[in-house]
Amino acid sequence: MSQAKLLHVDTSDVHELAVKKRPVLLHVPSTAIFELDNLTKEVLDFVRPRSTVSFEDLQARFRNMDVPSELADAIDDLKSLGVLRKEATSPDAEAGISVNNFPLSTIVLNVNTGCNLSCTYCYKEDLSTPAKGDRLSLDKAKKGIELLLKEGAQRDRINVVFFGGEPLTNMPLIKHITEYAEQRCEEECKSLDLSLTTNATLLTEDLVDYFDEHKFGISISMDGPQAVHDRRRITVGGKGTYDIVAKKARMLLSRYASRPVGARVTLTAGCPDVMTIHQHLKYDIGFAEVGFAPVTSNPVATFNLTGGELRQVFDSMKALGRHYVKAAVDGVDIGFSNMHQMLSDLYEGRRKALPCGAGIGLLAVDHKGELNLCHRFTGSEMPTFGNVESGIEKVKLGAFLQEASDRSQRGCADCRIRNLCSGGCYHESYANYNDPHSPVYHYCELLREWTDFGIEAYLEILEKNPAFFHRYVTNRSSEL
């Protein structure tokens, strides 16, 4: 490098944080994490306020070094991270990707819009009672399976998810499609994964044994101890459902052997105590994992977590996260799904061009046979992307995904977690801003803080018990 040559300084692609007083860098484009040695940290601090720096500037600042070659190594490290560049460049804004192929791995079958409960916060726009619900026909369900097999031809394993309403209100269809999908996957030499989310009220021992026989992945919607659960999860007549859900969940957990069973918690206004909810569901009821979904986009504003209460939820999640880390260091998994997902993203170095697999790996079939971006959009006014008869409208869906991945005109363009979050949930954005492509601005800062916490947790576990990741984190998706 010529001594007169200037290097351009660009720190937009790195995020520095202190972990146990040690300087750490998140390399934003790759989501890689690096611990800084003292000299590289000093060089970074020196160049950070500058737009350009010369070799003479660096020599003058570090002329008293005992080993000059170490300075060259530090400069090379910062070059490799894009902090020092030969030419000025624009930030990694992601102008959008072209999507032409849709290798589905998952089809969600919305088997009935009807539900036997009347949970006050339910987002489903087409919800009704089971008898009045719109049921998916066997013909359309089979065509959904065939679409999955066709578009997922390159996949060794495919996934069929049964959803509602309450899916157990249409067990005849579930049983028919289970048999059909198993037969077709055997013919196509594919592995099949079956799953469903249920409110548990209609579970019987016979049904549990059936699901066990076919190795279903089961998730139970349950919001915590009785006082919390019964506030929102009620019958059509307004009665709390905790007693029956707890009883059915314990019955399920006592006789179900195929796979771990998780609980899905919906957090609403007035219920920010994540620690207490997790304690009850994990240890009193016995679920393998507990995952939390904060409500911020319900049409009824009364249920939405906002301002100080949303902050309380994230602080409570961090408190539970610290408990998770302490247990992980001792080789124990306490079953906190949100931490599992964060650690999995960091451990495997995921770099997301899109927020999730909706539209590429997953589509949801409604009772009309229409293809929805995901199960949360069935029954909404969001346009669909084809149907099980004619297939995927690939040009239309490709355009949607290209726009979703284009961050250049959004706040994501220079956000440090843009490749981990990628704008957030489409439905969350649609419900808040009537635009599925809008970033989830209402809690962007909290998500950045949550990611910083995740990095700290990841590095502590990596240092003290790295075997935890292989034993519990990387194997999780195949178990749940």
Foldseek 3Di string as FASTA:
>chain_A
DDQPQKWFFDCLQWDWDAFVNWIKIQRQQQRAIDTDDPLLVVVCVVCVVDGIDGPVRVCVVCVPDPDVVVVVVSVVVCVVSVRIHSDDDDFPQFQFDFDQAFQAQEEEEAAWQEAQWCFPQDLFQQYDHLVPTQGADLVLLLLSLVLNCVSNVVDQEHEYEYEYNARVSPVVSVVVVLVVNVVVCVVSNHHYAYEYEHCQLPDDPVVLVVCLVSLYAYEHEAAADQVGQLVGTGGPVSGGDVVSSLVRLLVSVVPRDRFFYEYEHEQWPPRQQPPRRLCCCCPVSNGQAYEYDYAQQGPPRRGHQADPSVVSNLVNVLVVVVVQLVVVLVVDGSHYVVLLVLLLCSVVSAFALAQDSQLRHYWYQYNVQFTASHPSCVNHPDDTAGGSVPHGVSVVSSVVNRLLSRRNPAPLSSDSCCRVRSQHALVSCCSHPVGSSHRNVRCPVSVVVVSVSSVSSNVSSCVRPVVSCVVDRVCPVVRD
